[in-house]
């Protein structure tokens, strides 16, 4: 009889599977981080645009002449 030879195939298989899971996890994590950064950038740009629009409206309001030369006391 031949002596039993130990096979390292199962250990190598487990190591390969673990490596694939780790690489997949890192890839997924980085893609989520990138999408979160893009979303944050979009929100900041939206806030800046909204602030710009509000500043423009406020400036228009200040520049608008609201004096109609009407005496409120004489209106019946």
PDB file of N, CA and C in Angstrom:
ATOM      1  N   UNK A   1       0.813  -1.176   0.000  1.00  0.00           N
ATOM      2  CA  UNK A   1       0.000   0.000   0.000  1.00  0.00           C
ATOM      3  C   UNK A   1       0.864   1.251   0.000  1.00  0.00           C
ATOM      4  N   UNK A   2       0.299   2.230  -0.658  1.00  0.00           N
ATOM      5  CA  UNK A   2       1.007   3.503  -0.694  1.00  0.00           C
ATOM      6  C   UNK A   2       0.568   4.360   0.489  1.00  0.00           C
ATOM      7  N   UNK A   3       1.490   5.122   1.021  1.00  0.00           N
ATOM      8  CA  UNK A   3       1.106   5.996   2.140  1.00  0.00           C
ATOM      9  C   UNK A   3       0.188   7.117   1.643  1.00  0.00           C
ATOM     10  N   UNK A   4      -0.720   7.525   2.524  1.00  0.00           N
ATOM     11  CA  UNK A   4      -1.643   8.606   2.165  1.00  0.00           C
ATOM     12  C   UNK A   4      -0.861   9.911   2.004  1.00  0.00           C
ATOM     13  N   UNK A   5      -1.114  10.574   0.865  1.00  0.00           N
ATOM     14  CA  UNK A   5      -0.486  11.876   0.631  1.00  0.00           C
ATOM     15  C   UNK A   5      -1.484  12.965   1.027  1.00  0.00           C
ATOM     16  N   UNK A   6      -0.995  13.920   1.766  1.00  0.00           N
ATOM     17  CA  UNK A   6      -1.869  15.008   2.185  1.00  0.00           C
ATOM     18  C   UNK A   6      -1.991  16.005   1.034  1.00  0.00           C
ATOM     19  N   UNK A   7      -3.210  16.412   0.807  1.00  0.00           N
ATOM     20  CA  UNK A   7      -3.464  17.363  -0.264  1.00  0.00           C
ATOM     21  C   UNK A   7      -3.707  18.739   0.343  1.00  0.00           C
ATOM     22  N   UNK A   8      -3.043  19.702  -0.190  1.00  0.00           N
ATOM     23  CA  UNK A   8      -3.220  21.068   0.278  1.00  0.00           C
ATOM     24  C   UNK A   8      -4.244  21.815  -0.578  1.00  0.00           C
ATOM     25  N   UNK A   9      -4.939  21.098  -1.408  1.00  0.00           N
ATOM     26  CA  UNK A   9      -5.911  21.720  -2.315  1.00  0.00           C
ATOM     27  C   UNK A   9      -7.047  22.414  -1.584  1.00  0.00           C
ATOM     28  N   UNK A  10      -7.514  21.829  -0.514  1.00  0.00           N
ATOM     29  CA  UNK A  10      -8.619  22.459   0.219  1.00  0.00           C
ATOM     30  C   UNK A  10      -8.175  23.755   0.888  1.00  0.00           C
ATOM     31  N   UNK A  11      -6.977  23.749   1.418  1.00  0.00           N
ATOM     32  CA  UNK A  11      -6.459  24.962   2.065  1.00  0.00           C
ATOM     33  C   UNK A  11      -6.272  26.066   1.026  1.00  0.00           C
ATOM     34  N   UNK A  12      -5.706  25.708  -0.111  1.00  0.00           N
ATOM     35  CA  UNK A  12      -5.515  26.691  -1.181  1.00  0.00           C
ATOM     36  C   UNK A  12      -6.864  27.208  -1.661  1.00  0.00           C
ATOM     37  N   UNK A  13      -7.846  26.340  -1.792  1.00  0.00           N
ATOM     38  CA  UNK A  13      -9.187  26.748  -2.215  1.00  0.00           C
ATOM     39  C   UNK A  13      -9.822  27.723  -1.240  1.00  0.00           C
ATOM     40  N   UNK A  14      -9.697  27.430   0.038  1.00  0.00           N
ATOM     41  CA  UNK A  14     -10.244  28.323   1.067  1.00  0.00           C
ATOM     42  C   UNK A  14      -9.563  29.684   1.019  1.00  0.00           C
ATOM     43  N   UNK A  15      -8.240  29.686   0.861  1.00  0.00           N
ATOM     44  CA  UNK A  15      -7.496  30.948   0.787  1.00  0.00           C
ATOM     45  C   UNK A  15      -7.930  31.756  -0.428  1.00  0.00           C
ATOM     46  N   UNK A  16      -8.131  31.110  -1.565  1.00  0.00           N
ATOM     47  CA  UNK A  16      -8.576  31.801  -2.779  1.00  0.00           C
ATOM     48  C   UNK A  16      -9.965  32.402  -2.571  1.00  0.00           C
ATOM     49  N   UNK A  17     -10.869  31.632  -1.968  1.00  0.00           N
ATOM     50  CA  UNK A  17     -12.226  32.130  -1.724  1.00  0.00           C
ATOM     51  C   UNK A  17     -12.212  33.331  -0.781  1.00  0.00           C
ATOM     52  N   UNK A  18     -11.426  33.255   0.279  1.00  0.00           N
ATOM     53  CA  UNK A  18     -11.326  34.371   1.225  1.00  0.00           C
ATOM     54  C   UNK A  18     -10.749  35.605   0.538  1.00  0.00           C
ATOM     55  N   UNK A  19      -9.720  35.410  -0.300  1.00  0.00           N
ATOM     56  CA  UNK A  19      -9.129  36.544  -1.021  1.00  0.00           C
ATOM     57  C   UNK A  19     -10.148  37.188  -1.943  1.00  0.00           C
ATOM     58  N   UNK A  20     -10.952  36.390  -2.637  1.00  0.00           N
ATOM     59  CA  UNK A  20     -11.974  36.933  -3.534  1.00  0.00           C
ATOM     60  C   UNK A  20     -13.011  37.717  -2.735  1.00  0.00           C
ATOM     61  N   UNK A  21     -13.418  37.191  -1.580  1.00  0.00           N
ATOM     62  CA  UNK A  21     -14.383  37.907  -0.748  1.00  0.00           C
ATOM     63  C   UNK A  21     -13.825  39.234  -0.240  1.00  0.00           C
ATOM     64  N   UNK A  22     -12.562  39.238   0.151  1.00  0.00           N
ATOM     65  CA  UNK A  22     -11.933  40.474   0.631  1.00  0.00           C
ATOM     66  C   UNK A  22     -11.844  41.503  -0.488  1.00  0.00           C
ATOM     67  N   UNK A  23     -11.406  41.079  -1.660  1.00  0.00           N
ATOM     68  CA  UNK A  23     -11.298  41.997  -2.799  1.00  0.00           C
ATOM     69  C   UNK A  23     -12.678  42.547  -3.171  1.00  0.00           C
ATOM     70  N   UNK A  24     -13.690  41.699  -3.185  1.00  0.00           N
ATOM     71  CA  UNK A  24     -15.050  42.151  -3.486  1.00  0.00           C
ATOM     72  C   UNK A  24     -15.560  43.138  -2.447  1.00  0.00           C
ATOM     73  N   UNK A  25     -15.268  42.898  -1.196  1.00  0.00           N
ATOM     74  CA  UNK A  25     -15.688  43.812  -0.131  1.00  0.00           C
ATOM     75  C   UNK A  25     -15.027  45.168  -0.247  1.00  0.00           C
ATOM     76  N   UNK A  26     -13.733  45.179  -0.536  1.00  0.00           N
ATOM     77  CA  UNK A  26     -13.015  46.449  -0.700  1.00  0.00           C
ATOM     78  C   UNK A  26     -13.560  47.208  -1.903  1.00  0.00           C
ATOM     79  N   UNK A  27     -13.819  46.521  -2.996  1.00  0.00           N
ATOM     80  CA  UNK A  27     -14.359  47.155  -4.197  1.00  0.00           C
ATOM     81  C   UNK A  27     -15.729  47.771  -3.913  1.00  0.00           C
ATOM     82  N   UNK A  28     -16.595  47.031  -3.227  1.00  0.00           N
ATOM     83  CA  UNK A  28     -17.928  47.527  -2.898  1.00  0.00           C
ATOM     84  C   UNK A  28     -17.843  48.727  -1.969  1.00  0.00           C
ATOM     85  N   UNK A  29     -16.981  48.654  -0.975  1.00  0.00           N
ATOM     86  CA  UNK A  29     -16.822  49.746  -0.025  1.00  0.00           C
ATOM     87  C   UNK A  29     -16.342  51.008  -0.722  1.00  0.00           C
ATOM     88  N   UNK A  30     -15.343  50.890  -1.601  1.00  0.00           N
ATOM     89  CA  UNK A  30     -14.826  52.060  -2.310  1.00  0.00           C
ATOM     90  C   UNK A  30     -15.866  52.658  -3.246  1.00  0.00           C
ATOM     91  N   UNK A  31     -16.666  51.841  -3.889  1.00  0.00           N
ATOM     92  CA  UNK A  31     -17.691  52.375  -4.780  1.00  0.00           C
ATOM     93  C   UNK A  31     -18.758  53.123  -3.983  1.00  0.00           C
ATOM     94  N   UNK A  32     -19.088  52.653  -2.791  1.00  0.00           N
ATOM     95  CA  UNK A  32     -20.048  53.365  -1.948  1.00  0.00           C
ATOM     96  C   UNK A  32     -19.468  54.680  -1.461  1.00  0.00           C
ATOM     97  N   UNK A  33     -18.195  54.698  -1.130  1.00  0.00           N
ATOM     98  CA  UNK A  33     -17.551  55.933  -0.683  1.00  0.00           C
ATOM     99  C   UNK A  33     -17.542  56.952  -1.819  1.00  0.00           C
ATOM    100  N   UNK A  34     -17.223  56.506  -3.033  1.00  0.00           N
ATOM    101  CA  UNK A  34     -17.210  57.418  -4.180  1.00  0.00           C
ATOM    102  C   UNK A  34     -18.589  57.991  -4.448  1.00  0.00           C
ATOM    103  N   UNK A  35     -19.625  57.160  -4.384  1.00  0.00           N
ATOM    104  CA  UNK A  35     -20.976  57.652  -4.636  1.00  0.00           C
ATOM    105  C   UNK A  35     -21.419  58.614  -3.535  1.00  0.00           C
ATOM    106  N   UNK A  36     -21.016  58.371  -2.297  1.00  0.00           N
ATOM    107  CA  UNK A  36     -21.357  59.273  -1.201  1.00  0.00           C
ATOM    108  C   UNK A  36     -20.665  60.620  -1.384  1.00  0.00           C
ATOM    109  N   UNK A  37     -19.414  60.615  -1.841  1.00  0.00           N
ATOM    110  CA  UNK A  37     -18.694  61.864  -2.082  1.00  0.00           C
ATOM    111  C   UNK A  37     -19.337  62.652  -3.220  1.00  0.00           C
ATOM    112  N   UNK A  38     -19.746  61.955  -4.279  1.00  0.00           N
ATOM    113  CA  UNK A  38     -20.410  62.634  -5.394  1.00  0.00           C
ATOM    114  C   UNK A  38     -21.729  63.252  -4.940  1.00  0.00           C
ATOM    115  N   UNK A  39     -22.478  62.514  -4.121  1.00  0.00           N
ATOM    116  CA  UNK A  39     -23.759  63.023  -3.627  1.00  0.00           C
ATOM    117  C   UNK A  39     -23.539  64.252  -2.748  1.00  0.00           C
ATOM    118  N   UNK A  40     -22.507  64.221  -1.920  1.00  0.00           N
ATOM    119  CA  UNK A  40     -22.202  65.359  -1.055  1.00  0.00           C
ATOM    120  C   UNK A  40     -21.817  66.571  -1.895  1.00  0.00           C
ATOM    121  N   UNK A  41     -21.048  66.364  -2.940  1.00  0.00           N
ATOM    122  CA  UNK A  41     -20.644  67.455  -3.820  1.00  0.00           C
ATOM    123  C   UNK A  41     -21.860  68.065  -4.518  1.00  0.00           C
ATOM    124  N   UNK A  42     -22.787  67.226  -4.960  1.00  0.00           N
ATOM    125  CA  UNK A  42     -24.007  67.711  -5.611  1.00  0.00           C
ATOM    126  C   UNK A  42     -24.826  68.537  -4.626  1.00  0.00           C
ATOM    127  N   UNK A  43     -24.935  68.081  -3.389  1.00  0.00           N
ATOM    128  CA  UNK A  43     -25.686  68.819  -2.382  1.00  0.00           C
ATOM    129  C   UNK A  43     -25.044  70.168  -2.092  1.00  0.00           C
ATOM    130  N   UNK A  44     -23.712  70.208  -2.010  1.00  0.00           N
ATOM    131  CA  UNK A  44     -23.031  71.472  -1.755  1.00  0.00           C
ATOM    132  C   UNK A  44     -23.247  72.443  -2.908  1.00  0.00           C
ATOM    133  N   UNK A  45     -23.185  71.946  -4.144  1.00  0.00           N
ATOM    134  CA  UNK A  45     -23.422  72.803  -5.296  1.00  0.00           C
ATOM    135  C   UNK A  45     -24.852  73.325  -5.301  1.00  0.00           C
ATOM    136  N   UNK A  46     -25.801  72.491  -4.932  1.00  0.00           N
ATOM    137  CA  UNK A  46     -27.201  72.908  -4.875  1.00  0.00           C
ATOM    138  C   UNK A  46     -27.398  73.987  -3.830  1.00  0.00           C
ATOM    139  N   UNK A  47     -26.775  73.821  -2.678  1.00  0.00           N
ATOM    140  CA  UNK A  47     -26.888  74.817  -1.613  1.00  0.00           C
ATOM    141  C   UNK A  47     -26.281  76.133  -2.062  1.00  0.00           C
ATOM    142  N   UNK A  48     -25.134  76.089  -2.729  1.00  0.00           N
ATOM    143  CA  UNK A  48     -24.498  77.311  -3.210  1.00  0.00           C
ATOM    144  C   UNK A  48     -25.370  77.990  -4.260  1.00  0.00           C
ATOM    145  N   UNK A  49     -25.973  77.211  -5.156  1.00  0.00           N
ATOM    146  CA  UNK A  49     -26.843  77.789  -6.178  1.00  0.00           C
ATOM    147  C   UNK A  49     -28.075  78.419  -5.538  1.00  0.00           C
ATOM    148  N   UNK A  50     -28.652  77.751  -4.554  1.00  0.00           N
ATOM    149  CA  UNK A  50     -29.821  78.293  -3.865  1.00  0.00           C
ATOM    150  C   UNK A  50     -29.476  79.596  -3.146  1.00  0.00           C
ATOM    151  N   UNK A  51     -28.321  79.622  -2.508  1.00  0.00           N
ATOM    152  CA  UNK A  51     -27.893  80.833  -1.811  1.00  0.00           C
ATOM    153  C   UNK A  51     -27.682  81.966  -2.806  1.00  0.00           C
ATOM    154  N   UNK A  52     -27.137  81.653  -3.958  1.00  0.00           N
ATOM    155  CA  UNK A  52     -26.925  82.662  -4.993  1.00  0.00           C
ATOM    156  C   UNK A  52     -28.250  83.221  -5.482  1.00  0.00           C
ATOM    157  N   UNK A  53     -29.225  82.352  -5.690  1.00  0.00           N
ATOM    158  CA  UNK A  53     -30.552  82.791  -6.135  1.00  0.00           C
ATOM    159  C   UNK A  53     -31.202  83.665  -5.073  1.00  0.00           C
ATOM    160  N   UNK A  54     -31.094  83.275  -3.813  1.00  0.00           N
ATOM    161  CA  UNK A  54     -31.676  84.066  -2.732  1.00  0.00           C
ATOM    162  C   UNK A  54     -31.009  85.430  -2.620  1.00  0.00           C
ATOM    163  N   UNK A  55     -29.686  85.469  -2.769  1.00  0.00           N
ATOM    164  CA  UNK A  55     -28.980  86.750  -2.744  1.00  0.00           C
ATOM    165  C   UNK A  55     -29.438  87.644  -3.888  1.00  0.00           C
ATOM    166  N   UNK A  56     -29.628  87.065  -5.053  1.00  0.00           N
ATOM    167  CA  UNK A  56     -30.092  87.817  -6.209  1.00  0.00           C
ATOM    168  C   UNK A  56     -31.493  88.374  -5.974  1.00  0.00           C
ATOM    169  N   UNK A  57     -32.380  87.552  -5.414  1.00  0.00           N
ATOM    170  CA  UNK A  57     -33.738  88.013  -5.123  1.00  0.00           C
ATOM    171  C   UNK A  57     -33.742  89.117  -4.066  1.00  0.00           C
ATOM    172  N   UNK A  58     -32.901  88.971  -3.067  1.00  0.00           N
ATOM    173  CA  UNK A  58     -32.820  89.994  -2.025  1.00  0.00           C
ATOM    174  C   UNK A  58     -32.306  91.306  -2.593  1.00  0.00           C
ATOM    175  N   UNK A  59     -31.330  91.231  -3.474  1.00  0.00           N
ATOM    176  CA  UNK A  59     -30.798  92.434  -4.093  1.00  0.00           C
ATOM    177  C   UNK A  59     -31.860  93.095  -4.981  1.00  0.00           C
ATOM    178  N   UNK A  60     -32.628  92.297  -5.717  1.00  0.00           N
ATOM    179  CA  UNK A  60     -33.711  92.844  -6.531  1.00  0.00           C
ATOM    180  C   UNK A  60     -34.757  93.530  -5.655  1.00  0.00           C
ATOM    181  N   UNK A  61     -35.057  92.930  -4.523  1.00  0.00           N
ATOM    182  CA  UNK A  61     -36.033  93.507  -3.611  1.00  0.00           C
ATOM    183  C   UNK A  61     -35.554  94.839  -3.065  1.00  0.00           C
ATOM    184  N   UNK A  62     -34.283  94.921  -2.749  1.00  0.00           N
ATOM    185  CA  UNK A  62     -33.743  96.167  -2.222  1.00  0.00           C
ATOM    186  C   UNK A  62     -33.696  97.255  -3.293  1.00  0.00           C
ATOM    187  N   UNK A  63     -33.509  96.864  -4.545  1.00  0.00           N
ATOM    188  CA  UNK A  63     -33.414  97.838  -5.628  1.00  0.00           C
ATOM    189  C   UNK A  63     -34.780  98.243  -6.178  1.00  0.00           C
ATOM    190  N   UNK A  64     -35.836  97.566  -5.778  1.00  0.00           N
ATOM    191  CA  UNK A  64     -37.170  97.864  -6.283  1.00  0.00           C
ATOM    192  C   UNK A  64     -37.723  99.088  -5.570  1.00  0.00           C
ATOM    193  N   UNK A  65     -38.263 100.003  -6.352  1.00  0.00           N
ATOM    194  CA  UNK A  65     -38.860 101.206  -5.801  1.00  0.00           C
ATOM    195  C   UNK A  65     -40.311 100.900  -5.459  1.00  0.00           C
ATOM    196  N   UNK A  66     -40.618 100.908  -4.177  1.00  0.00           N
ATOM    197  CA  UNK A  66     -41.974 100.595  -3.739  1.00  0.00           C
ATOM    198  C   UNK A  66     -42.778 101.847  -3.402  1.00  0.00           C
ATOM    199  N   UNK A  67     -42.217 103.008  -3.616  1.00  0.00           N
ATOM    200  CA  UNK A  67     -42.914 104.252  -3.331  1.00  0.00           C
ATOM    201  C   UNK A  67     -43.874 104.556  -4.470  1.00  0.00           C
ATOM    202  N   UNK A  68     -45.172 104.526  -4.200  1.00  0.00           N
ATOM    203  CA  UNK A  68     -46.198 104.762  -5.220  1.00  0.00           C
ATOM    204  C   UNK A  68     -46.771 106.171  -5.148  1.00  0.00           C
ATOM    205  N   UNK A  69     -46.242 106.989  -4.250  1.00  0.00           N
ATOM    206  CA  UNK A  69     -46.703 108.363  -4.046  1.00  0.00           C
ATOM    207  C   UNK A  69     -48.198 108.399  -3.743  1.00  0.00           C
ATOM    208  N   UNK A  70     -48.645 107.493  -2.919  1.00  0.00           N
ATOM    209  CA  UNK A  70     -50.046 107.428  -2.512  1.00  0.00           C
ATOM    210  C   UNK A  70     -50.111 107.676  -1.016  1.00  0.00           C
ATOM    211  N   UNK A  71     -50.988 108.592  -0.623  1.00  0.00           N
ATOM    212  CA  UNK A  71     -51.168 108.867   0.783  1.00  0.00           C
ATOM    213  C   UNK A  71     -52.183 107.889   1.339  1.00  0.00           C
ATOM    214  N   UNK A  72     -51.753 107.039   2.238  1.00  0.00           N
ATOM    215  CA  UNK A  72     -52.598 105.981   2.762  1.00  0.00           C
ATOM    216  C   UNK A  72     -53.749 106.562   3.582  1.00  0.00           C
ATOM    217  N   UNK A  73     -53.550 107.682   4.202  1.00  0.00           N
ATOM    218  CA  UNK A  73     -54.568 108.297   5.062  1.00  0.00           C
ATOM    219  C   UNK A  73     -55.763 108.834   4.257  1.00  0.00           C
ATOM    220  N   UNK A  74     -55.536 109.158   3.008  1.00  0.00           N
ATOM    221  CA  UNK A  74     -56.628 109.733   2.191  1.00  0.00           C
ATOM    222  C   UNK A  74     -57.422 108.678   1.439  1.00  0.00           C
ATOM    223  N   UNK A  75     -56.994 107.462   1.453  1.00  0.00           N
ATOM    224  CA  UNK A  75     -57.709 106.404   0.747  1.00  0.00           C
ATOM    225  C   UNK A  75     -58.921 105.993   1.573  1.00  0.00           C
ATOM    226  N   UNK A  76     -60.111 105.936   0.901  1.00  0.00           N
ATOM    227  CA  UNK A  76     -61.344 105.578   1.609  1.00  0.00           C
ATOM    228  C   UNK A  76     -61.764 104.182   1.310  1.00  0.00           C
TER     229      UNK A  76
END
